[in-house]
Amino acid sequence: MNIIERVRQCTLCRGQLPFEPRPVIQGLPAAKILIAGQAPSLSVQKTGKPFNDASGKRLREWLGVTEAQFYDPTLFAIIPMAFCYPGKGKSGDLPPPKICAQTWRAPLLEVFNNIELTILIGQYAQSYHIADFVSVSQAVTEWRTGLPGQIALPHPSPRNQLWVRKRPWFEAEVLPVLRTRVREVLLSF
């Protein structure tokens, strides 16, 4: 059994989450773009399809890709920091349980050795992948430093609309470069 199948059968968090474990992950070793997110939303937990929610629609718009491209596991590996819905907190979903990344992240990343672009979404993915991580705002402000291989984005959740509105440079400067880089990677496939 390969590592992706093992993750899909993981039950490490059984009894600690509001639902039975249903790990959500996408990707094949040939994938060129890695989306490192936080954890599935409740609707993703229910459907088993990554980013199958308003955040996913917005993310696909940011990337400039179709739904068919986004869900093609030879193009996109979608590997969140945790694979199951962590539950609801006071101001949104709870943080991803650390045991997921501690157990699975390194062995999974070894399998995906064709990645040309890693997209870091939100604080948990950024703090794992960026050595000197301070905040999402700083990581996104310094978006150029990781290119062409890596870029930090705020979470595409509708809850972050105010963050985006207060930073018009994000849509004006970051998204056009992101879309161009995604196109370059997909055309090289």
N, C-alpha and C. Protein backbone atom coordinates (compact mmCIF):
# COMPACT_ATOMS: atom_id res chain seq x y z
N MET A 1 0.85 -1.17 0.00
CA MET A 1 0.00 0.00 0.00
C MET A 1 0.90 1.24 0.00
N ASN A 2 0.60 2.19 -0.90
CA ASN A 2 1.44 3.38 -0.98
C ASN A 2 1.03 4.39 0.11
N ILE A 3 1.83 5.42 0.25
CA ILE A 3 1.64 6.41 1.33
C ILE A 3 0.30 7.14 1.22
N ILE A 4 -0.15 7.44 0.01
CA ILE A 4 -1.43 8.14 -0.16
C ILE A 4 -2.58 7.26 0.31
N GLU A 5 -2.54 5.98 -0.05
CA GLU A 5 -3.58 5.05 0.41
C GLU A 5 -3.54 4.90 1.93
N ARG A 6 -2.34 4.89 2.49
CA ARG A 6 -2.22 4.80 3.95
C ARG A 6 -2.82 6.03 4.63
N VAL A 7 -2.58 7.22 4.07
CA VAL A 7 -3.18 8.44 4.64
C VAL A 7 -4.70 8.35 4.57
N ARG A 8 -5.22 7.89 3.45
CA ARG A 8 -6.68 7.81 3.28
C ARG A 8 -7.33 6.85 4.29
N GLN A 9 -6.54 5.94 4.83
CA GLN A 9 -7.06 4.98 5.81
C GLN A 9 -6.71 5.37 7.26
N CYS A 10 -6.07 6.51 7.43
CA CYS A 10 -5.62 6.94 8.75
C CYS A 10 -6.79 7.15 9.73
N THR A 11 -6.58 6.72 10.96
CA THR A 11 -7.58 6.92 12.02
C THR A 11 -6.92 7.44 13.29
N LEU A 12 -5.77 8.10 13.16
CA LEU A 12 -5.05 8.60 14.33
C LEU A 12 -5.89 9.49 15.24
N CYS A 13 -6.81 10.24 14.66
CA CYS A 13 -7.60 11.20 15.44
C CYS A 13 -8.97 10.65 15.86
N ARG A 14 -9.21 9.38 15.65
CA ARG A 14 -10.51 8.81 16.01
C ARG A 14 -10.83 9.13 17.47
N GLY A 15 -12.02 9.64 17.70
CA GLY A 15 -12.46 9.99 19.04
C GLY A 15 -12.07 11.39 19.50
N GLN A 16 -11.21 12.07 18.73
CA GLN A 16 -10.76 13.41 19.10
C GLN A 16 -11.38 14.49 18.22
N LEU A 17 -12.09 14.07 17.19
CA LEU A 17 -12.70 14.99 16.23
C LEU A 17 -14.22 14.85 16.29
N PRO A 18 -14.94 15.85 15.75
CA PRO A 18 -16.40 15.78 15.81
C PRO A 18 -17.02 14.70 14.91
N PHE A 19 -16.23 14.17 13.97
CA PHE A 19 -16.71 13.14 13.05
C PHE A 19 -15.70 11.99 13.01
N GLU A 20 -16.13 10.88 12.45
CA GLU A 20 -15.20 9.79 12.19
C GLU A 20 -14.14 10.28 11.20
N PRO A 21 -12.91 9.82 11.32
CA PRO A 21 -11.88 10.23 10.35
C PRO A 21 -12.30 9.90 8.91
N ARG A 22 -12.09 10.86 8.06
CA ARG A 22 -12.30 10.70 6.61
C ARG A 22 -11.24 11.55 5.93
N PRO A 23 -10.00 11.07 5.92
CA PRO A 23 -8.90 11.87 5.36
C PRO A 23 -9.15 12.27 3.90
N VAL A 24 -8.92 13.55 3.64
CA VAL A 24 -9.11 14.10 2.30
C VAL A 24 -7.75 14.54 1.78
N ILE A 25 -7.35 13.93 0.68
CA ILE A 25 -6.05 14.21 0.06
C ILE A 25 -6.19 13.95 -1.43
N GLN A 26 -5.40 14.65 -2.23
CA GLN A 26 -5.40 14.43 -3.68
C GLN A 26 -3.97 14.50 -4.18
N GLY A 27 -3.67 13.68 -5.15
CA GLY A 27 -2.38 13.81 -5.82
C GLY A 27 -1.81 12.50 -6.28
N LEU A 28 -1.01 12.60 -7.31
CA LEU A 28 -0.20 11.50 -7.81
C LEU A 28 1.24 12.00 -7.87
N PRO A 29 2.21 11.13 -7.79
CA PRO A 29 3.61 11.57 -7.79
C PRO A 29 4.00 12.46 -8.97
N ALA A 30 3.28 12.41 -10.07
CA ALA A 30 3.58 13.24 -11.24
C ALA A 30 3.14 14.69 -11.07
N ALA A 31 2.37 15.00 -10.04
CA ALA A 31 1.81 16.34 -9.85
C ALA A 31 2.91 17.40 -9.88
N LYS A 32 2.58 18.55 -10.46
CA LYS A 32 3.54 19.65 -10.61
C LYS A 32 3.32 20.78 -9.62
N ILE A 33 2.08 20.90 -9.10
CA ILE A 33 1.75 21.98 -8.17
C ILE A 33 1.24 21.36 -6.88
N LEU A 34 1.82 21.79 -5.77
CA LEU A 34 1.40 21.34 -4.45
C LEU A 34 0.63 22.46 -3.76
N ILE A 35 -0.57 22.16 -3.35
CA ILE A 35 -1.34 23.10 -2.54
C ILE A 35 -1.26 22.60 -1.11
N ALA A 36 -0.57 23.36 -0.28
CA ALA A 36 -0.42 23.03 1.14
C ALA A 36 -1.41 23.90 1.90
N GLY A 37 -2.52 23.30 2.26
CA GLY A 37 -3.56 24.02 2.97
C GLY A 37 -3.54 23.72 4.45
N GLN A 38 -4.65 24.01 5.12
CA GLN A 38 -4.73 23.86 6.56
C GLN A 38 -5.40 22.54 6.94
N ALA A 39 -6.72 22.46 6.74
CA ALA A 39 -7.49 21.25 7.04
C ALA A 39 -8.81 21.38 6.29
N PRO A 40 -9.46 20.26 6.01
CA PRO A 40 -10.73 20.32 5.29
C PRO A 40 -11.81 21.08 6.07
N SER A 41 -12.69 21.73 5.33
CA SER A 41 -13.87 22.36 5.92
C SER A 41 -14.91 21.28 6.20
N LEU A 42 -15.99 21.66 6.83
CA LEU A 42 -17.06 20.71 7.11
C LEU A 42 -17.64 20.15 5.81
N SER A 43 -17.85 21.02 4.78
CA SER A 43 -18.41 20.49 3.54
C SER A 43 -17.43 19.58 2.82
N VAL A 44 -16.14 19.85 2.94
CA VAL A 44 -15.15 18.94 2.35
C VAL A 44 -15.16 17.61 3.10
N GLN A 45 -15.25 17.67 4.41
CA GLN A 45 -15.33 16.44 5.22
C GLN A 45 -16.52 15.59 4.77
N LYS A 46 -17.65 16.22 4.51
CA LYS A 46 -18.86 15.49 4.13
C LYS A 46 -18.76 14.89 2.73
N THR A 47 -18.11 15.62 1.80
CA THR A 47 -18.06 15.14 0.41
C THR A 47 -16.80 14.34 0.09
N GLY A 48 -15.74 14.55 0.86
CA GLY A 48 -14.48 13.87 0.58
C GLY A 48 -13.71 14.46 -0.59
N LYS A 49 -14.13 15.64 -1.06
CA LYS A 49 -13.49 16.29 -2.20
C LYS A 49 -12.81 17.56 -1.72
N PRO A 50 -11.48 17.69 -1.90
CA PRO A 50 -10.76 18.85 -1.38
C PRO A 50 -11.24 20.17 -1.98
N PHE A 51 -11.29 21.18 -1.14
CA PHE A 51 -11.70 22.53 -1.55
C PHE A 51 -13.05 22.53 -2.29
N ASN A 52 -13.93 21.66 -1.87
CA ASN A 52 -15.27 21.59 -2.44
C ASN A 52 -16.20 22.51 -1.65
N ASP A 53 -15.86 23.81 -1.68
CA ASP A 53 -16.59 24.81 -0.90
C ASP A 53 -16.31 26.19 -1.47
N ALA A 54 -16.79 27.22 -0.81
CA ALA A 54 -16.57 28.59 -1.29
C ALA A 54 -15.08 28.93 -1.36
N SER A 55 -14.30 28.43 -0.42
CA SER A 55 -12.85 28.67 -0.44
C SER A 55 -12.22 28.08 -1.70
N GLY A 56 -12.66 26.91 -2.08
CA GLY A 56 -12.13 26.27 -3.28
C GLY A 56 -12.47 27.02 -4.55
N LYS A 57 -13.70 27.51 -4.61
CA LYS A 57 -14.10 28.30 -5.79
C LYS A 57 -13.21 29.54 -5.91
N ARG A 58 -13.01 30.22 -4.80
CA ARG A 58 -12.19 31.42 -4.81
C ARG A 58 -10.73 31.08 -5.13
N LEU A 59 -10.22 29.99 -4.57
CA LEU A 59 -8.84 29.58 -4.85
C LEU A 59 -8.66 29.29 -6.34
N ARG A 60 -9.60 28.58 -6.96
CA ARG A 60 -9.49 28.29 -8.39
C ARG A 60 -9.48 29.58 -9.20
N GLU A 61 -10.28 30.58 -8.77
CA GLU A 61 -10.26 31.88 -9.45
C GLU A 61 -8.89 32.54 -9.28
N TRP A 62 -8.36 32.51 -8.07
CA TRP A 62 -7.03 33.09 -7.84
C TRP A 62 -5.98 32.43 -8.73
N LEU A 63 -6.05 31.11 -8.88
CA LEU A 63 -5.06 30.38 -9.66
C LEU A 63 -5.29 30.49 -11.16
N GLY A 64 -6.52 30.83 -11.56
CA GLY A 64 -6.85 30.91 -12.98
C GLY A 64 -6.97 29.55 -13.63
N VAL A 65 -7.50 28.57 -12.89
CA VAL A 65 -7.64 27.21 -13.43
C VAL A 65 -9.10 26.78 -13.41
N THR A 66 -9.40 25.82 -14.24
CA THR A 66 -10.74 25.25 -14.27
C THR A 66 -10.88 24.22 -13.15
N GLU A 67 -12.11 23.86 -12.90
CA GLU A 67 -12.36 22.81 -11.91
C GLU A 67 -11.72 21.50 -12.36
N ALA A 68 -11.81 21.19 -13.65
CA ALA A 68 -11.21 19.96 -14.18
C ALA A 68 -9.69 19.95 -13.97
N GLN A 69 -9.04 21.06 -14.23
CA GLN A 69 -7.59 21.14 -14.00
C GLN A 69 -7.27 20.97 -12.51
N PHE A 70 -8.00 21.69 -11.68
CA PHE A 70 -7.75 21.69 -10.25
C PHE A 70 -7.86 20.29 -9.64
N TYR A 71 -8.83 19.52 -10.11
CA TYR A 71 -9.06 18.19 -9.55
C TYR A 71 -8.33 17.08 -10.32
N ASP A 72 -7.42 17.46 -11.19
CA ASP A 72 -6.59 16.48 -11.89
C ASP A 72 -5.39 16.16 -11.00
N PRO A 73 -5.31 14.94 -10.44
CA PRO A 73 -4.23 14.62 -9.50
C PRO A 73 -2.85 14.53 -10.14
N THR A 74 -2.79 14.53 -11.47
CA THR A 74 -1.48 14.58 -12.12
C THR A 74 -0.97 16.01 -12.22
N LEU A 75 -1.86 16.98 -12.03
CA LEU A 75 -1.47 18.39 -12.06
C LEU A 75 -1.31 18.97 -10.66
N PHE A 76 -2.31 18.72 -9.80
CA PHE A 76 -2.34 19.31 -8.46
C PHE A 76 -2.33 18.25 -7.38
N ALA A 77 -1.38 18.38 -6.47
CA ALA A 77 -1.40 17.60 -5.23
C ALA A 77 -1.97 18.52 -4.17
N ILE A 78 -3.01 18.09 -3.50
CA ILE A 78 -3.64 18.89 -2.45
C ILE A 78 -3.41 18.14 -1.14
N ILE A 79 -2.45 18.67 -0.38
CA ILE A 79 -2.01 17.99 0.84
C ILE A 79 -2.09 18.98 2.00
N PRO A 80 -3.21 18.96 2.72
CA PRO A 80 -3.34 19.88 3.86
C PRO A 80 -2.47 19.46 5.04
N MET A 81 -2.37 20.32 6.01
CA MET A 81 -1.61 20.02 7.22
C MET A 81 -2.31 18.97 8.07
N ALA A 82 -3.62 18.87 7.95
CA ALA A 82 -4.42 17.81 8.57
C ALA A 82 -5.45 17.38 7.53
N PHE A 83 -5.87 16.14 7.60
CA PHE A 83 -6.69 15.56 6.53
C PHE A 83 -8.17 15.44 6.85
N CYS A 84 -8.54 15.74 8.08
CA CYS A 84 -9.94 15.64 8.50
C CYS A 84 -10.39 16.97 9.11
N TYR A 85 -11.69 17.22 9.05
CA TYR A 85 -12.25 18.44 9.63
C TYR A 85 -11.99 18.46 11.13
N PRO A 86 -11.34 19.53 11.64
CA PRO A 86 -10.97 19.57 13.05
C PRO A 86 -12.09 20.01 14.00
N GLY A 87 -13.17 20.57 13.46
CA GLY A 87 -14.25 21.06 14.30
C GLY A 87 -14.31 22.57 14.30
N LYS A 88 -15.35 23.09 14.91
CA LYS A 88 -15.61 24.53 14.92
C LYS A 88 -15.08 25.17 16.18
N GLY A 89 -14.45 26.35 16.04
CA GLY A 89 -13.97 27.13 17.17
C GLY A 89 -14.75 28.42 17.27
N LYS A 90 -14.30 29.33 18.12
CA LYS A 90 -14.99 30.60 18.32
C LYS A 90 -14.98 31.48 17.08
N SER A 91 -13.88 31.50 16.35
CA SER A 91 -13.77 32.40 15.20
C SER A 91 -13.49 31.64 13.91
N GLY A 92 -14.04 30.47 13.77
CA GLY A 92 -13.82 29.66 12.57
C GLY A 92 -13.47 28.24 12.96
N ASP A 93 -12.91 27.51 12.01
CA ASP A 93 -12.55 26.13 12.29
C ASP A 93 -11.37 26.06 13.25
N LEU A 94 -11.32 24.98 14.00
CA LEU A 94 -10.20 24.76 14.93
C LEU A 94 -8.91 24.53 14.13
N PRO A 95 -7.76 24.70 14.78
CA PRO A 95 -6.49 24.43 14.09
C PRO A 95 -6.38 22.96 13.70
N PRO A 96 -5.59 22.68 12.68
CA PRO A 96 -5.39 21.28 12.30
C PRO A 96 -4.64 20.54 13.41
N PRO A 97 -5.05 19.33 13.76
CA PRO A 97 -4.31 18.57 14.76
C PRO A 97 -2.86 18.35 14.31
N LYS A 98 -1.91 18.62 15.18
CA LYS A 98 -0.48 18.54 14.83
C LYS A 98 -0.03 17.13 14.47
N ILE A 99 -0.72 16.12 14.99
CA ILE A 99 -0.30 14.74 14.77
C ILE A 99 -0.31 14.38 13.28
N CYS A 100 -1.19 15.01 12.51
CA CYS A 100 -1.23 14.72 11.06
C CYS A 100 0.09 15.09 10.39
N ALA A 101 0.51 16.33 10.56
CA ALA A 101 1.75 16.78 9.93
C ALA A 101 2.95 16.03 10.51
N GLN A 102 2.94 15.80 11.81
CA GLN A 102 4.06 15.08 12.45
C GLN A 102 4.19 13.67 11.90
N THR A 103 3.08 13.05 11.59
CA THR A 103 3.09 11.66 11.12
C THR A 103 3.29 11.55 9.62
N TRP A 104 2.61 12.39 8.86
CA TRP A 104 2.50 12.16 7.42
C TRP A 104 3.23 13.14 6.51
N ARG A 105 3.50 14.36 6.96
CA ARG A 105 3.98 15.40 6.04
C ARG A 105 5.30 15.03 5.35
N ALA A 106 6.32 14.72 6.10
CA ALA A 106 7.63 14.42 5.49
C ALA A 106 7.57 13.23 4.53
N PRO A 107 6.97 12.10 4.92
CA PRO A 107 6.91 10.99 3.96
C PRO A 107 6.10 11.30 2.71
N LEU A 108 5.05 12.10 2.86
CA LEU A 108 4.26 12.49 1.68
C LEU A 108 5.07 13.37 0.74
N LEU A 109 5.75 14.35 1.30
CA LEU A 109 6.51 15.28 0.45
C LEU A 109 7.62 14.57 -0.31
N GLU A 110 8.15 13.49 0.24
CA GLU A 110 9.17 12.71 -0.46
C GLU A 110 8.62 12.08 -1.74
N VAL A 111 7.35 11.72 -1.74
CA VAL A 111 6.72 11.07 -2.88
C VAL A 111 6.51 12.06 -4.03
N PHE A 112 6.23 13.31 -3.67
CA PHE A 112 5.92 14.34 -4.68
C PHE A 112 7.20 15.08 -5.05
N ASN A 113 8.05 14.44 -5.84
CA ASN A 113 9.34 15.03 -6.18
C ASN A 113 9.36 15.73 -7.54
N ASN A 114 8.18 15.89 -8.16
CA ASN A 114 8.08 16.64 -9.42
C ASN A 114 7.47 18.02 -9.24
N ILE A 115 7.27 18.43 -7.99
CA ILE A 115 6.61 19.69 -7.69
C ILE A 115 7.47 20.87 -8.17
N GLU A 116 6.86 21.75 -8.96
CA GLU A 116 7.54 22.96 -9.44
C GLU A 116 7.05 24.21 -8.73
N LEU A 117 5.86 24.13 -8.12
CA LEU A 117 5.29 25.27 -7.40
C LEU A 117 4.53 24.77 -6.19
N THR A 118 4.89 25.30 -5.02
CA THR A 118 4.18 25.00 -3.78
C THR A 118 3.43 26.25 -3.35
N ILE A 119 2.13 26.10 -3.17
CA ILE A 119 1.26 27.20 -2.77
C ILE A 119 0.90 26.99 -1.31
N LEU A 120 1.37 27.89 -0.46
CA LEU A 120 1.17 27.78 0.99
C LEU A 120 -0.02 28.63 1.40
N ILE A 121 -1.07 27.96 1.85
CA ILE A 121 -2.32 28.64 2.17
C ILE A 121 -2.53 28.67 3.68
N GLY A 122 -2.48 29.88 4.24
CA GLY A 122 -2.79 30.07 5.64
C GLY A 122 -1.61 29.84 6.57
N GLN A 123 -1.82 30.18 7.83
CA GLN A 123 -0.73 30.21 8.81
C GLN A 123 -0.14 28.85 9.13
N TYR A 124 -0.93 27.80 9.16
CA TYR A 124 -0.38 26.50 9.57
C TYR A 124 0.54 25.93 8.50
N ALA A 125 0.17 26.04 7.25
CA ALA A 125 1.05 25.59 6.17
C ALA A 125 2.28 26.47 6.07
N GLN A 126 2.08 27.77 6.23
CA GLN A 126 3.21 28.70 6.12
C GLN A 126 4.19 28.51 7.27
N SER A 127 3.69 28.33 8.47
CA SER A 127 4.61 28.16 9.60
C SER A 127 5.39 26.85 9.50
N TYR A 128 4.84 25.86 8.84
CA TYR A 128 5.55 24.59 8.64
C TYR A 128 6.62 24.73 7.56
N HIS A 129 6.30 25.41 6.48
CA HIS A 129 7.18 25.45 5.30
C HIS A 129 8.12 26.65 5.24
N ILE A 130 7.85 27.70 6.00
CA ILE A 130 8.69 28.90 5.96
C ILE A 130 9.48 28.99 7.27
N ALA A 131 10.78 28.88 7.18
CA ALA A 131 11.63 28.80 8.37
C ALA A 131 11.47 30.00 9.30
N ASP A 132 11.43 31.19 8.76
CA ASP A 132 11.36 32.39 9.60
C ASP A 132 9.96 33.00 9.60
N PHE A 133 8.94 32.16 9.57
CA PHE A 133 7.55 32.61 9.53
C PHE A 133 7.20 33.46 10.74
N VAL A 134 6.56 34.61 10.48
CA VAL A 134 6.10 35.50 11.54
C VAL A 134 4.58 35.60 11.52
N SER A 135 4.02 35.87 10.33
CA SER A 135 2.57 36.01 10.20
C SER A 135 2.18 35.79 8.74
N VAL A 136 0.90 35.53 8.54
CA VAL A 136 0.39 35.39 7.17
C VAL A 136 0.60 36.69 6.40
N SER A 137 0.29 37.80 7.04
CA SER A 137 0.44 39.10 6.36
C SER A 137 1.88 39.32 5.89
N GLN A 138 2.84 39.00 6.75
CA GLN A 138 4.24 39.18 6.34
C GLN A 138 4.62 38.20 5.24
N ALA A 139 4.21 36.95 5.38
CA ALA A 139 4.55 35.94 4.36
C ALA A 139 3.97 36.32 3.00
N VAL A 140 2.73 36.80 2.99
CA VAL A 140 2.11 37.19 1.72
C VAL A 140 2.74 38.47 1.19
N THR A 141 3.07 39.42 2.07
CA THR A 141 3.73 40.65 1.64
C THR A 141 5.07 40.34 0.97
N GLU A 142 5.76 39.32 1.46
CA GLU A 142 7.06 38.93 0.91
C GLU A 142 6.92 37.83 -0.14
N TRP A 143 5.83 37.81 -0.87
CA TRP A 143 5.49 36.76 -1.81
C TRP A 143 6.56 36.53 -2.87
N ARG A 144 7.27 37.56 -3.25
CA ARG A 144 8.29 37.42 -4.31
C ARG A 144 9.49 36.56 -3.89
N THR A 145 9.77 36.52 -2.59
CA THR A 145 10.99 35.85 -2.12
C THR A 145 10.99 34.35 -2.37
N GLY A 146 9.84 33.73 -2.45
CA GLY A 146 9.79 32.29 -2.66
C GLY A 146 9.71 31.86 -4.11
N LEU A 147 9.37 32.77 -4.98
CA LEU A 147 9.20 32.41 -6.39
C LEU A 147 10.53 32.11 -7.06
N PRO A 148 10.56 31.22 -8.03
CA PRO A 148 9.43 30.65 -8.75
C PRO A 148 8.86 29.38 -8.11
N GLY A 149 9.46 28.87 -7.03
CA GLY A 149 9.04 27.57 -6.50
C GLY A 149 8.01 27.58 -5.41
N GLN A 150 7.79 28.73 -4.78
CA GLN A 150 6.88 28.76 -3.63
C GLN A 150 6.23 30.13 -3.49
N ILE A 151 4.97 30.14 -3.05
CA ILE A 151 4.28 31.40 -2.80
C ILE A 151 3.31 31.22 -1.64
N ALA A 152 3.24 32.23 -0.80
CA ALA A 152 2.33 32.22 0.35
C ALA A 152 1.09 33.04 0.01
N LEU A 153 -0.07 32.48 0.36
CA LEU A 153 -1.34 33.16 0.13
C LEU A 153 -2.15 33.19 1.43
N PRO A 154 -3.04 34.18 1.56
CA PRO A 154 -3.98 34.12 2.66
C PRO A 154 -4.96 32.99 2.37
N HIS A 155 -5.70 32.58 3.37
CA HIS A 155 -6.72 31.56 3.11
C HIS A 155 -7.80 32.17 2.22
N PRO A 156 -8.26 31.45 1.20
CA PRO A 156 -9.27 32.01 0.29
C PRO A 156 -10.69 32.00 0.86
N SER A 157 -10.83 31.75 2.12
CA SER A 157 -12.14 31.73 2.77
C SER A 157 -12.86 33.06 2.60
N PRO A 158 -14.18 33.03 2.42
CA PRO A 158 -14.94 34.29 2.39
C PRO A 158 -14.74 35.12 3.67
N ARG A 159 -14.34 34.48 4.76
CA ARG A 159 -14.09 35.19 6.01
C ARG A 159 -12.90 36.15 5.88
N ASN A 160 -12.05 35.95 4.86
CA ASN A 160 -10.87 36.78 4.67
C ASN A 160 -11.08 37.90 3.64
N GLN A 161 -12.31 38.17 3.28
CA GLN A 161 -12.56 39.23 2.29
C GLN A 161 -12.05 40.58 2.78
N LEU A 162 -12.17 40.86 4.05
CA LEU A 162 -11.69 42.14 4.60
C LEU A 162 -10.17 42.23 4.46
N TRP A 163 -9.46 41.13 4.75
CA TRP A 163 -7.99 41.11 4.61
C TRP A 163 -7.62 41.49 3.18
N VAL A 164 -8.27 40.89 2.21
CA VAL A 164 -7.97 41.15 0.80
C VAL A 164 -8.33 42.59 0.43
N ARG A 165 -9.49 43.06 0.86
CA ARG A 165 -9.91 44.43 0.55
C ARG A 165 -8.95 45.47 1.10
N LYS A 166 -8.38 45.21 2.28
CA LYS A 166 -7.45 46.16 2.89
C LYS A 166 -6.08 46.14 2.22
N ARG A 167 -5.84 45.18 1.38
CA ARG A 167 -4.55 45.04 0.69
C ARG A 167 -4.78 44.93 -0.82
N PRO A 168 -5.13 46.01 -1.47
CA PRO A 168 -5.44 45.96 -2.91
C PRO A 168 -4.27 45.46 -3.75
N TRP A 169 -3.06 45.59 -3.25
CA TRP A 169 -1.88 45.09 -3.97
C TRP A 169 -1.94 43.58 -4.16
N PHE A 170 -2.65 42.88 -3.28
CA PHE A 170 -2.73 41.41 -3.40
C PHE A 170 -3.38 41.03 -4.73
N GLU A 171 -4.55 41.56 -5.01
CA GLU A 171 -5.23 41.23 -6.26
C GLU A 171 -4.55 41.88 -7.46
N ALA A 172 -4.00 43.08 -7.28
CA ALA A 172 -3.39 43.80 -8.40
C ALA A 172 -2.02 43.26 -8.78
N GLU A 173 -1.22 42.85 -7.80
CA GLU A 173 0.16 42.42 -8.07
C GLU A 173 0.37 40.91 -7.95
N VAL A 174 -0.10 40.33 -6.87
CA VAL A 174 0.19 38.91 -6.59
C VAL A 174 -0.57 37.98 -7.53
N LEU A 175 -1.88 38.18 -7.64
CA LEU A 175 -2.68 37.23 -8.42
C LEU A 175 -2.29 37.14 -9.90
N PRO A 176 -1.98 38.24 -10.59
CA PRO A 176 -1.54 38.09 -11.98
C PRO A 176 -0.24 37.27 -12.10
N VAL A 177 0.70 37.49 -11.18
CA VAL A 177 1.95 36.73 -11.22
C VAL A 177 1.68 35.26 -10.87
N LEU A 178 0.83 35.03 -9.90
CA LEU A 178 0.46 33.66 -9.53
C LEU A 178 -0.16 32.94 -10.72
N ARG A 179 -1.11 33.56 -11.37
CA ARG A 179 -1.77 32.91 -12.53
C ARG A 179 -0.77 32.62 -13.65
N THR A 180 0.14 33.55 -13.89
CA THR A 180 1.16 33.32 -14.92
C THR A 180 2.05 32.13 -14.54
N ARG A 181 2.46 32.08 -13.29
CA ARG A 181 3.33 30.98 -12.84
C ARG A 181 2.60 29.64 -12.92
N VAL A 182 1.33 29.61 -12.53
CA VAL A 182 0.54 28.38 -12.62
C VAL A 182 0.44 27.94 -14.08
N ARG A 183 0.15 28.87 -14.98
CA ARG A 183 0.08 28.54 -16.41
C ARG A 183 1.40 27.98 -16.91
N GLU A 184 2.51 28.61 -16.52
CA GLU A 184 3.84 28.12 -16.95
C GLU A 184 4.05 26.68 -16.51
N VAL A 185 3.73 26.39 -15.27
CA VAL A 185 3.93 25.03 -14.75
C VAL A 185 3.01 24.05 -15.47
N LEU A 186 1.77 24.41 -15.67
CA LEU A 186 0.83 23.50 -16.33
C LEU A 186 1.20 23.27 -17.79
N LEU A 187 1.74 24.30 -18.45
CA LEU A 187 2.15 24.13 -19.85
C LEU A 187 3.40 23.28 -19.97
N SER A 188 4.21 23.21 -18.91
CA SER A 188 5.42 22.40 -18.97
C SER A 188 5.12 20.92 -18.77
N PHE A 189 3.90 20.61 -18.47
CA PHE A 189 3.51 19.22 -18.18
C PHE A 189 3.46 18.40 -19.43
